[in-house]
Amino acid sequence: MKKIVLLLIVLSVSLTYGQKKKKKVTEAKAPAGALAKTGDASVVFDKKKDLFLVVAKDSMLLTKSRSDFNPTNMKIAPVKVKANTFYCVTWNETQKSDTKLKKEVATVTESQIWNPMTKTLMIGNTQKAVDVTEIEFLDRLKTASQTVYKKRSEGYLFSLLPNGDFSLSNKSATTKYAYNEKSARYEPVKKK
């Protein structure tokens, strides 16, 4: 009888100990906070995953939400041109596409200059550098092949100058832009 009681006590203790729920350890996701910040300007995601520039409680839409959108190296720089203060927002993004014979990795650099007083986009530039890895067949029967590596550039290289001007350049030409206060926009500088 003592053995049965002892066995029941051991069995009940083991069952109650085994039924305790273990606390789940969940990773805390980062809140939809600022990706970049300088002074009173910051870049944030909203609930719909749209990207906004927020300056003193005013917001400007930088880009709409896309399923594959994942910006990196987000930077904000205040641009002072005479009596005006603009904000230059720059970010990078990697886009990949794979097929059986071709693999492309594109590095996209987006640069935008915004006027927070009028909430307007002064200039927007997209530059893309694509690395292509491709398999080329050497005969019609596809028995011999070689791997070919190529680089391709699209768009213009954006360079912000210290005085608030900027330049756009590619392999063949460079164009410098300066802010015109009369028209309230950037215009190409005429060469003398």
N, C-alpha and C. Protein backbone atom coordinates (compact mmCIF):
# COMPACT_ATOMS: atom_id res chain seq x y z
N MET A 1 0.82 -1.19 0.00
CA MET A 1 0.00 0.00 0.00
C MET A 1 0.87 1.26 0.00
N LYS A 2 1.94 1.23 0.78
CA LYS A 2 2.84 2.37 0.81
C LYS A 2 3.48 2.60 -0.55
N LYS A 3 3.78 1.51 -1.24
CA LYS A 3 4.39 1.63 -2.55
C LYS A 3 3.44 2.28 -3.55
N ILE A 4 2.16 1.95 -3.45
CA ILE A 4 1.17 2.52 -4.37
C ILE A 4 1.01 4.01 -4.10
N VAL A 5 0.94 4.42 -2.85
CA VAL A 5 0.80 5.83 -2.48
C VAL A 5 2.04 6.60 -2.92
N LEU A 6 3.20 6.02 -2.68
CA LEU A 6 4.44 6.67 -3.10
C LEU A 6 4.51 6.80 -4.63
N LEU A 7 4.07 5.78 -5.33
CA LEU A 7 4.05 5.82 -6.78
C LEU A 7 3.08 6.89 -7.29
N LEU A 8 1.92 7.03 -6.66
CA LEU A 8 0.95 8.06 -7.05
C LEU A 8 1.49 9.46 -6.78
N ILE A 9 2.19 9.66 -5.69
CA ILE A 9 2.76 10.97 -5.38
C ILE A 9 3.84 11.33 -6.41
N VAL A 10 4.71 10.40 -6.72
CA VAL A 10 5.77 10.65 -7.70
C VAL A 10 5.15 10.92 -9.07
N LEU A 11 4.13 10.17 -9.42
CA LEU A 11 3.46 10.35 -10.71
C LEU A 11 2.75 11.70 -10.79
N SER A 12 2.08 12.13 -9.73
CA SER A 12 1.38 13.42 -9.75
C SER A 12 2.37 14.59 -9.78
N VAL A 13 3.49 14.46 -9.08
CA VAL A 13 4.50 15.52 -9.10
C VAL A 13 5.11 15.64 -10.49
N SER A 14 5.40 14.50 -11.10
CA SER A 14 6.00 14.56 -12.44
C SER A 14 5.02 15.09 -13.47
N LEU A 15 3.75 14.78 -13.36
CA LEU A 15 2.74 15.29 -14.30
C LEU A 15 2.54 16.79 -14.15
N THR A 16 2.49 17.30 -12.93
CA THR A 16 2.31 18.74 -12.74
C THR A 16 3.55 19.51 -13.18
N TYR A 17 4.71 18.94 -12.97
CA TYR A 17 5.94 19.61 -13.42
C TYR A 17 6.03 19.59 -14.94
N GLY A 18 5.66 18.52 -15.57
CA GLY A 18 5.72 18.39 -17.02
C GLY A 18 4.68 19.23 -17.74
N GLN A 19 3.60 19.64 -17.08
CA GLN A 19 2.55 20.41 -17.73
C GLN A 19 2.76 21.91 -17.64
N LYS A 20 3.79 22.35 -16.97
CA LYS A 20 4.05 23.79 -16.91
C LYS A 20 4.47 24.27 -18.30
N LYS A 21 3.86 25.35 -18.73
CA LYS A 21 4.19 25.90 -20.05
C LYS A 21 5.50 26.66 -19.96
N LYS A 22 6.30 26.43 -20.97
CA LYS A 22 7.54 27.18 -21.04
C LYS A 22 7.23 28.53 -21.67
N LYS A 23 7.85 29.54 -21.15
CA LYS A 23 7.65 30.88 -21.69
C LYS A 23 8.37 30.98 -23.02
N LYS A 24 7.66 31.48 -24.02
CA LYS A 24 8.25 31.65 -25.34
C LYS A 24 9.11 32.90 -25.35
N VAL A 25 10.28 32.76 -25.90
CA VAL A 25 11.18 33.89 -26.04
C VAL A 25 10.98 34.43 -27.45
N THR A 26 10.42 35.64 -27.53
CA THR A 26 10.18 36.24 -28.84
C THR A 26 11.15 37.39 -29.05
N GLU A 27 11.60 37.49 -30.29
CA GLU A 27 12.50 38.58 -30.61
C GLU A 27 11.68 39.84 -30.81
N ALA A 28 12.10 40.89 -30.18
CA ALA A 28 11.39 42.15 -30.30
C ALA A 28 11.74 42.78 -31.64
N LYS A 29 10.71 43.07 -32.41
CA LYS A 29 10.94 43.73 -33.69
C LYS A 29 11.16 45.21 -33.44
N ALA A 30 12.01 45.77 -34.28
CA ALA A 30 12.29 47.20 -34.15
C ALA A 30 11.04 47.99 -34.51
N PRO A 31 10.67 48.97 -33.74
CA PRO A 31 9.50 49.75 -34.08
C PRO A 31 9.74 50.52 -35.37
N ALA A 32 8.64 50.91 -35.98
CA ALA A 32 8.75 51.67 -37.23
C ALA A 32 9.26 53.07 -36.89
N GLY A 33 10.52 53.13 -36.53
CA GLY A 33 11.13 54.39 -36.11
C GLY A 33 11.96 55.00 -37.21
N ALA A 34 12.80 55.90 -36.83
CA ALA A 34 13.60 56.64 -37.79
C ALA A 34 14.73 55.77 -38.34
N LEU A 35 14.87 55.77 -39.66
CA LEU A 35 15.97 55.08 -40.31
C LEU A 35 17.22 55.95 -40.34
N ALA A 36 17.00 57.26 -40.46
CA ALA A 36 18.09 58.22 -40.44
C ALA A 36 17.56 59.51 -39.84
N LYS A 37 18.45 60.26 -39.19
CA LYS A 37 18.02 61.49 -38.53
C LYS A 37 19.15 62.49 -38.53
N THR A 38 18.79 63.76 -38.78
CA THR A 38 19.74 64.85 -38.65
C THR A 38 18.96 66.11 -38.29
N GLY A 39 19.32 66.73 -37.20
CA GLY A 39 18.61 67.93 -36.76
C GLY A 39 17.13 67.64 -36.55
N ASP A 40 16.26 68.39 -37.22
CA ASP A 40 14.82 68.18 -37.08
C ASP A 40 14.25 67.35 -38.23
N ALA A 41 15.10 66.75 -39.06
CA ALA A 41 14.65 65.93 -40.19
C ALA A 41 14.94 64.46 -39.91
N SER A 42 14.01 63.60 -40.30
CA SER A 42 14.21 62.17 -40.15
C SER A 42 13.48 61.44 -41.27
N VAL A 43 13.92 60.22 -41.55
CA VAL A 43 13.29 59.37 -42.55
C VAL A 43 12.67 58.19 -41.80
N VAL A 44 11.37 57.95 -42.04
CA VAL A 44 10.64 56.91 -41.32
C VAL A 44 9.77 56.11 -42.28
N PHE A 45 9.45 54.89 -41.85
CA PHE A 45 8.44 54.08 -42.52
C PHE A 45 7.11 54.33 -41.81
N ASP A 46 6.00 54.33 -42.55
CA ASP A 46 4.70 54.40 -41.89
C ASP A 46 4.13 52.98 -41.80
N LYS A 47 2.87 52.85 -41.39
CA LYS A 47 2.26 51.54 -41.20
C LYS A 47 2.12 50.76 -42.51
N LYS A 48 2.00 51.46 -43.63
CA LYS A 48 1.87 50.80 -44.93
C LYS A 48 3.23 50.51 -45.55
N LYS A 49 4.32 50.79 -44.83
CA LYS A 49 5.70 50.61 -45.29
C LYS A 49 6.06 51.59 -46.39
N ASP A 50 5.41 52.76 -46.45
CA ASP A 50 5.83 53.84 -47.34
C ASP A 50 6.95 54.59 -46.64
N LEU A 51 7.87 55.14 -47.41
CA LEU A 51 9.03 55.84 -46.86
C LEU A 51 8.78 57.34 -46.90
N PHE A 52 8.90 58.02 -45.74
CA PHE A 52 8.61 59.44 -45.63
C PHE A 52 9.81 60.21 -45.08
N LEU A 53 9.95 61.46 -45.54
CA LEU A 53 10.87 62.42 -44.95
C LEU A 53 10.02 63.31 -44.06
N VAL A 54 10.37 63.40 -42.77
CA VAL A 54 9.63 64.20 -41.81
C VAL A 54 10.52 65.34 -41.34
N VAL A 55 10.03 66.58 -41.58
CA VAL A 55 10.76 67.78 -41.15
C VAL A 55 9.80 68.64 -40.36
N ALA A 56 10.06 68.79 -39.07
CA ALA A 56 9.25 69.62 -38.18
C ALA A 56 7.76 69.35 -38.36
N LYS A 57 7.35 68.10 -38.22
CA LYS A 57 5.96 67.64 -38.28
C LYS A 57 5.34 67.70 -39.67
N ASP A 58 6.09 68.09 -40.68
CA ASP A 58 5.63 68.02 -42.07
C ASP A 58 6.24 66.77 -42.69
N SER A 59 5.45 66.04 -43.47
CA SER A 59 5.97 64.82 -44.07
C SER A 59 5.86 64.88 -45.59
N MET A 60 6.85 64.28 -46.25
CA MET A 60 6.92 64.21 -47.70
C MET A 60 7.17 62.76 -48.09
N LEU A 61 6.40 62.23 -49.04
CA LEU A 61 6.52 60.84 -49.47
C LEU A 61 7.74 60.68 -50.36
N LEU A 62 8.69 59.84 -49.91
CA LEU A 62 9.89 59.57 -50.70
C LEU A 62 9.63 58.47 -51.72
N THR A 63 9.03 57.37 -51.27
CA THR A 63 8.71 56.26 -52.17
C THR A 63 7.58 55.43 -51.60
N LYS A 64 6.80 54.85 -52.49
CA LYS A 64 5.70 53.97 -52.10
C LYS A 64 6.24 52.60 -51.70
N SER A 65 5.44 51.86 -50.99
CA SER A 65 5.83 50.54 -50.52
C SER A 65 5.90 49.55 -51.68
N ARG A 66 6.96 48.72 -51.65
CA ARG A 66 7.11 47.61 -52.58
C ARG A 66 7.47 46.39 -51.75
N SER A 67 7.13 45.22 -52.24
CA SER A 67 7.37 44.01 -51.45
C SER A 67 8.86 43.74 -51.25
N ASP A 68 9.69 44.09 -52.24
CA ASP A 68 11.11 43.79 -52.15
C ASP A 68 11.95 44.99 -51.72
N PHE A 69 11.32 46.04 -51.23
CA PHE A 69 12.04 47.27 -50.88
C PHE A 69 12.69 47.14 -49.51
N ASN A 70 14.03 47.27 -49.51
CA ASN A 70 14.78 47.19 -48.27
C ASN A 70 15.95 48.18 -48.36
N PRO A 71 15.73 49.45 -47.96
CA PRO A 71 16.79 50.44 -48.12
C PRO A 71 17.92 50.24 -47.12
N THR A 72 19.14 50.56 -47.59
CA THR A 72 20.32 50.51 -46.71
C THR A 72 21.09 51.81 -46.88
N ASN A 73 22.00 52.07 -45.99
CA ASN A 73 22.85 53.28 -46.03
C ASN A 73 22.02 54.56 -46.19
N MET A 74 20.96 54.67 -45.43
CA MET A 74 20.09 55.86 -45.49
C MET A 74 20.83 57.05 -44.90
N LYS A 75 20.86 58.17 -45.65
CA LYS A 75 21.55 59.38 -45.19
C LYS A 75 20.68 60.60 -45.48
N ILE A 76 20.71 61.56 -44.55
CA ILE A 76 20.06 62.85 -44.74
C ILE A 76 21.12 63.92 -44.55
N ALA A 77 21.15 64.87 -45.48
CA ALA A 77 22.11 65.97 -45.36
C ALA A 77 21.39 67.29 -45.60
N PRO A 78 21.47 68.22 -44.66
CA PRO A 78 20.88 69.54 -44.92
C PRO A 78 21.71 70.28 -45.97
N VAL A 79 21.03 70.90 -46.91
CA VAL A 79 21.69 71.63 -47.99
C VAL A 79 21.29 73.09 -47.86
N LYS A 80 22.25 73.95 -47.56
CA LYS A 80 21.96 75.38 -47.40
C LYS A 80 22.34 76.11 -48.69
N VAL A 81 21.32 76.71 -49.30
CA VAL A 81 21.52 77.50 -50.51
C VAL A 81 21.00 78.89 -50.22
N LYS A 82 21.92 79.83 -50.02
CA LYS A 82 21.61 81.22 -49.68
C LYS A 82 20.70 81.24 -48.46
N ALA A 83 19.42 81.64 -48.57
CA ALA A 83 18.53 81.72 -47.40
C ALA A 83 17.68 80.46 -47.24
N ASN A 84 17.80 79.50 -48.13
CA ASN A 84 16.96 78.30 -48.12
C ASN A 84 17.71 77.11 -47.54
N THR A 85 16.95 76.23 -46.89
CA THR A 85 17.50 74.97 -46.40
C THR A 85 16.71 73.84 -47.04
N PHE A 86 17.41 73.01 -47.80
CA PHE A 86 16.82 71.83 -48.42
C PHE A 86 17.41 70.61 -47.73
N TYR A 87 16.84 69.43 -48.03
CA TYR A 87 17.36 68.19 -47.47
C TYR A 87 17.63 67.21 -48.60
N CYS A 88 18.84 66.67 -48.60
CA CYS A 88 19.24 65.66 -49.57
C CYS A 88 19.15 64.30 -48.88
N VAL A 89 18.29 63.43 -49.41
CA VAL A 89 18.10 62.09 -48.85
C VAL A 89 18.67 61.09 -49.86
N THR A 90 19.54 60.21 -49.38
CA THR A 90 20.18 59.22 -50.24
C THR A 90 20.09 57.85 -49.58
N TRP A 91 19.77 56.82 -50.38
CA TRP A 91 19.77 55.46 -49.86
C TRP A 91 20.17 54.50 -50.98
N ASN A 92 20.60 53.31 -50.57
CA ASN A 92 20.97 52.24 -51.48
C ASN A 92 19.97 51.10 -51.34
N GLU A 93 19.91 50.30 -52.39
CA GLU A 93 19.01 49.16 -52.40
C GLU A 93 19.62 48.11 -53.33
N THR A 94 19.47 46.84 -52.98
CA THR A 94 19.98 45.76 -53.81
C THR A 94 18.81 44.98 -54.39
N GLN A 95 18.85 44.79 -55.72
CA GLN A 95 17.81 44.04 -56.41
C GLN A 95 18.48 42.85 -57.09
N LYS A 96 17.91 41.66 -56.91
CA LYS A 96 18.48 40.45 -57.49
C LYS A 96 17.46 39.79 -58.40
N SER A 97 17.96 39.24 -59.51
CA SER A 97 17.11 38.44 -60.38
C SER A 97 17.92 37.25 -60.87
N ASP A 98 17.32 36.07 -60.78
CA ASP A 98 18.00 34.83 -61.17
C ASP A 98 17.17 34.08 -62.19
N THR A 99 17.83 33.58 -63.21
CA THR A 99 17.24 32.62 -64.12
C THR A 99 18.21 31.45 -64.23
N LYS A 100 17.88 30.49 -65.04
CA LYS A 100 18.74 29.32 -65.16
C LYS A 100 20.10 29.67 -65.76
N LEU A 101 20.12 30.63 -66.70
CA LEU A 101 21.35 30.96 -67.39
C LEU A 101 21.93 32.32 -67.03
N LYS A 102 21.20 33.13 -66.29
CA LYS A 102 21.63 34.50 -66.04
C LYS A 102 21.31 34.91 -64.60
N LYS A 103 22.27 35.61 -64.00
CA LYS A 103 22.09 36.11 -62.63
C LYS A 103 22.48 37.58 -62.63
N GLU A 104 21.57 38.44 -62.15
CA GLU A 104 21.84 39.88 -62.09
C GLU A 104 21.71 40.36 -60.66
N VAL A 105 22.70 41.14 -60.23
CA VAL A 105 22.67 41.80 -58.92
C VAL A 105 22.83 43.29 -59.19
N ALA A 106 21.76 44.05 -58.92
CA ALA A 106 21.76 45.49 -59.20
C ALA A 106 21.84 46.26 -57.89
N THR A 107 22.75 47.21 -57.84
CA THR A 107 22.85 48.13 -56.71
C THR A 107 22.27 49.46 -57.16
N VAL A 108 21.16 49.84 -56.54
CA VAL A 108 20.44 51.06 -56.92
C VAL A 108 20.73 52.12 -55.87
N THR A 109 21.15 53.31 -56.33
CA THR A 109 21.37 54.44 -55.43
C THR A 109 20.37 55.52 -55.79
N GLU A 110 19.52 55.86 -54.84
CA GLU A 110 18.48 56.88 -55.04
C GLU A 110 18.89 58.13 -54.27
N SER A 111 18.86 59.29 -54.95
CA SER A 111 19.18 60.57 -54.33
C SER A 111 18.06 61.56 -54.62
N GLN A 112 17.58 62.24 -53.59
CA GLN A 112 16.49 63.21 -53.75
C GLN A 112 16.80 64.45 -52.93
N ILE A 113 16.51 65.63 -53.50
CA ILE A 113 16.62 66.89 -52.77
C ILE A 113 15.21 67.44 -52.62
N TRP A 114 14.82 67.71 -51.37
CA TRP A 114 13.47 68.17 -51.04
C TRP A 114 13.51 69.58 -50.46
N ASN A 115 12.48 70.38 -50.79
CA ASN A 115 12.28 71.69 -50.19
C ASN A 115 11.17 71.53 -49.15
N PRO A 116 11.47 71.58 -47.85
CA PRO A 116 10.45 71.35 -46.83
C PRO A 116 9.45 72.50 -46.70
N MET A 117 9.81 73.69 -47.15
CA MET A 117 8.88 74.82 -47.04
C MET A 117 7.69 74.65 -48.00
N THR A 118 7.96 74.17 -49.21
CA THR A 118 6.89 73.98 -50.20
C THR A 118 6.51 72.52 -50.35
N LYS A 119 7.21 71.61 -49.66
CA LYS A 119 6.99 70.17 -49.72
C LYS A 119 7.10 69.65 -51.15
N THR A 120 8.10 70.13 -51.87
CA THR A 120 8.28 69.71 -53.25
C THR A 120 9.62 69.01 -53.44
N LEU A 121 9.64 68.11 -54.40
CA LEU A 121 10.85 67.42 -54.78
C LEU A 121 11.60 68.29 -55.77
N MET A 122 12.79 68.73 -55.42
CA MET A 122 13.58 69.59 -56.29
C MET A 122 14.26 68.76 -57.39
N ILE A 123 14.85 67.64 -57.02
CA ILE A 123 15.51 66.76 -57.99
C ILE A 123 15.48 65.34 -57.43
N GLY A 124 15.27 64.39 -58.32
CA GLY A 124 15.33 62.99 -57.96
C GLY A 124 16.20 62.26 -58.97
N ASN A 125 17.13 61.45 -58.50
CA ASN A 125 18.06 60.75 -59.40
C ASN A 125 18.18 59.30 -58.96
N THR A 126 18.16 58.41 -59.95
CA THR A 126 18.34 56.99 -59.69
C THR A 126 19.52 56.50 -60.52
N GLN A 127 20.48 55.90 -59.85
CA GLN A 127 21.64 55.33 -60.52
C GLN A 127 21.65 53.84 -60.23
N LYS A 128 21.92 53.04 -61.25
CA LYS A 128 21.92 51.59 -61.10
C LYS A 128 23.21 51.02 -61.65
N ALA A 129 23.88 50.19 -60.86
CA ALA A 129 25.07 49.46 -61.28
C ALA A 129 24.72 47.97 -61.22
N VAL A 130 24.80 47.30 -62.36
CA VAL A 130 24.35 45.91 -62.46
C VAL A 130 25.54 45.01 -62.75
N ASP A 131 25.70 43.96 -61.93
CA ASP A 131 26.69 42.91 -62.17
C ASP A 131 25.95 41.70 -62.73
N VAL A 132 26.34 41.28 -63.93
CA VAL A 132 25.67 40.18 -64.63
C VAL A 132 26.62 39.00 -64.73
N THR A 133 26.14 37.83 -64.31
CA THR A 133 26.87 36.58 -64.49
C THR A 133 26.01 35.73 -65.42
N GLU A 134 26.58 35.35 -66.57
CA GLU A 134 25.79 34.70 -67.60
C GLU A 134 26.53 33.47 -68.11
N ILE A 135 25.79 32.41 -68.42
CA ILE A 135 26.36 31.21 -69.02
C ILE A 135 26.09 31.26 -70.51
N GLU A 136 27.15 31.26 -71.30
CA GLU A 136 27.03 31.25 -72.76
C GLU A 136 27.48 29.90 -73.29
N PHE A 137 26.69 29.35 -74.21
CA PHE A 137 27.04 28.07 -74.81
C PHE A 137 27.88 28.31 -76.06
N LEU A 138 28.89 27.48 -76.26
CA LEU A 138 29.83 27.65 -77.35
C LEU A 138 29.42 26.91 -78.62
N ASP A 139 28.49 25.99 -78.52
CA ASP A 139 28.02 25.28 -79.70
C ASP A 139 26.50 25.16 -79.68
N ARG A 140 25.95 24.71 -80.81
CA ARG A 140 24.49 24.62 -80.93
C ARG A 140 23.90 23.51 -80.06
N LEU A 141 24.64 22.49 -79.78
CA LEU A 141 24.14 21.36 -79.00
C LEU A 141 24.23 21.59 -77.49
N LYS A 142 24.80 22.71 -77.12
CA LYS A 142 24.93 23.10 -75.71
C LYS A 142 25.74 22.09 -74.90
N THR A 143 26.83 21.62 -75.49
CA THR A 143 27.69 20.69 -74.77
C THR A 143 28.84 21.40 -74.07
N ALA A 144 29.24 22.54 -74.59
CA ALA A 144 30.33 23.31 -73.98
C ALA A 144 29.83 24.71 -73.66
N SER A 145 30.24 25.21 -72.49
CA SER A 145 29.78 26.54 -72.08
C SER A 145 30.89 27.28 -71.37
N GLN A 146 30.67 28.57 -71.23
CA GLN A 146 31.59 29.40 -70.46
C GLN A 146 30.78 30.41 -69.66
N THR A 147 31.34 30.84 -68.54
CA THR A 147 30.68 31.82 -67.70
C THR A 147 31.26 33.20 -68.04
N VAL A 148 30.36 34.14 -68.31
CA VAL A 148 30.76 35.49 -68.70
C VAL A 148 30.30 36.47 -67.62
N TYR A 149 31.19 37.38 -67.23
CA TYR A 149 30.88 38.40 -66.24
C TYR A 149 30.83 39.75 -66.94
N LYS A 150 29.76 40.50 -66.69
CA LYS A 150 29.60 41.82 -67.30
C LYS A 150 29.17 42.82 -66.24
N LYS A 151 29.48 44.08 -66.48
CA LYS A 151 29.00 45.18 -65.62
C LYS A 151 28.28 46.17 -66.50
N ARG A 152 27.18 46.68 -65.99
CA ARG A 152 26.38 47.64 -66.74
C ARG A 152 25.97 48.76 -65.79
N SER A 153 26.00 49.99 -66.29
CA SER A 153 25.57 51.15 -65.49
C SER A 153 24.40 51.82 -66.18
N GLU A 154 23.43 52.26 -65.38
CA GLU A 154 22.27 52.97 -65.88
C GLU A 154 22.09 54.23 -65.05
N GLY A 155 21.65 55.29 -65.68
CA GLY A 155 21.40 56.54 -64.98
C GLY A 155 22.66 57.37 -64.82
N TYR A 156 22.55 58.41 -64.00
CA TYR A 156 23.64 59.36 -63.79
C TYR A 156 24.18 59.25 -62.38
N LEU A 157 25.46 59.54 -62.24
CA LEU A 157 26.10 59.60 -60.93
C LEU A 157 25.80 60.97 -60.32
N PHE A 158 25.18 60.98 -59.13
CA PHE A 158 24.78 62.20 -58.44
C PHE A 158 25.88 62.59 -57.47
N SER A 159 26.34 63.85 -57.54
CA SER A 159 27.35 64.37 -56.61
C SER A 159 26.87 65.70 -56.05
N LEU A 160 26.68 65.75 -54.73
CA LEU A 160 26.28 66.99 -54.07
C LEU A 160 27.53 67.80 -53.75
N LEU A 161 27.53 69.05 -54.17
CA LEU A 161 28.69 69.92 -53.97
C LEU A 161 28.51 70.72 -52.68
N PRO A 162 29.59 71.19 -52.06
CA PRO A 162 29.50 71.87 -50.76
C PRO A 162 28.67 73.16 -50.78
N ASN A 163 28.57 73.84 -51.92
CA ASN A 163 27.82 75.09 -51.97
C ASN A 163 26.32 74.89 -52.21
N GLY A 164 25.84 73.65 -52.25
CA GLY A 164 24.42 73.38 -52.45
C GLY A 164 24.08 73.02 -53.89
N ASP A 165 25.02 73.16 -54.79
CA ASP A 165 24.81 72.74 -56.18
C ASP A 165 25.06 71.23 -56.26
N PHE A 166 24.75 70.65 -57.41
CA PHE A 166 25.05 69.23 -57.61
C PHE A 166 25.42 69.01 -59.06
N SER A 167 26.01 67.85 -59.32
CA SER A 167 26.36 67.50 -60.69
C SER A 167 25.86 66.10 -60.99
N LEU A 168 25.47 65.90 -62.23
CA LEU A 168 25.08 64.60 -62.74
C LEU A 168 26.07 64.23 -63.83
N SER A 169 26.64 63.04 -63.73
CA SER A 169 27.65 62.65 -64.71
C SER A 169 27.48 61.19 -65.12
N ASN A 170 27.89 60.91 -66.36
CA ASN A 170 27.98 59.55 -66.86
C ASN A 170 29.32 59.41 -67.57
N LYS A 171 29.50 58.39 -68.40
CA LYS A 171 30.80 58.18 -69.04
C LYS A 171 31.21 59.33 -69.95
N SER A 172 30.23 59.94 -70.62
CA SER A 172 30.57 60.91 -71.66
C SER A 172 30.42 62.38 -71.24
N ALA A 173 29.62 62.69 -70.24
CA ALA A 173 29.37 64.11 -69.94
C ALA A 173 29.10 64.32 -68.45
N THR A 174 29.35 65.56 -68.03
CA THR A 174 29.04 66.00 -66.67
C THR A 174 28.26 67.31 -66.77
N THR A 175 27.13 67.37 -66.07
CA THR A 175 26.32 68.57 -66.08
C THR A 175 26.18 69.07 -64.65
N LYS A 176 26.48 70.35 -64.45
CA LYS A 176 26.38 70.96 -63.12
C LYS A 176 25.08 71.74 -63.05
N TYR A 177 24.39 71.63 -61.92
CA TYR A 177 23.13 72.32 -61.69
C TYR A 177 23.28 73.27 -60.51
N ALA A 178 22.67 74.46 -60.62
CA ALA A 178 22.68 75.45 -59.54
C ALA A 178 21.25 75.90 -59.27
N TYR A 179 21.00 76.31 -58.03
CA TYR A 179 19.66 76.76 -57.64
C TYR A 179 19.42 78.18 -58.14
N ASN A 180 18.28 78.38 -58.80
CA ASN A 180 17.87 79.69 -59.30
C ASN A 180 16.73 80.18 -58.40
N GLU A 181 16.96 81.28 -57.68
CA GLU A 181 15.96 81.78 -56.74
C GLU A 181 14.73 82.34 -57.44
N LYS A 182 14.89 82.88 -58.63
CA LYS A 182 13.74 83.45 -59.35
C LYS A 182 12.74 82.37 -59.74
N SER A 183 13.23 81.25 -60.26
CA SER A 183 12.32 80.16 -60.67
C SER A 183 12.11 79.15 -59.55
N ALA A 184 12.86 79.25 -58.47
CA ALA A 184 12.77 78.36 -57.30
C ALA A 184 12.99 76.90 -57.68
N ARG A 185 13.99 76.66 -58.53
CA ARG A 185 14.34 75.30 -58.90
C ARG A 185 15.80 75.24 -59.37
N TYR A 186 16.30 74.03 -59.49
CA TYR A 186 17.66 73.83 -59.98
C TYR A 186 17.66 73.86 -61.51
N GLU A 187 18.67 74.55 -62.06
CA GLU A 187 18.80 74.66 -63.50
C GLU A 187 20.24 74.39 -63.90
N PRO A 188 20.46 73.87 -65.12
CA PRO A 188 21.83 73.60 -65.56
C PRO A 188 22.64 74.89 -65.67
N VAL A 189 23.90 74.80 -65.27
CA VAL A 189 24.80 75.95 -65.36
C VAL A 189 25.32 76.01 -66.78
N LYS A 190 25.19 77.18 -67.39
CA LYS A 190 25.67 77.34 -68.76
C LYS A 190 27.17 77.56 -68.74
N LYS A 191 27.85 76.87 -69.64
CA LYS A 191 29.31 77.02 -69.72
C LYS A 191 29.64 78.31 -70.44
N LYS A 192 30.65 78.99 -69.96
CA LYS A 192 31.02 80.29 -70.54
C LYS A 192 32.03 80.12 -71.63
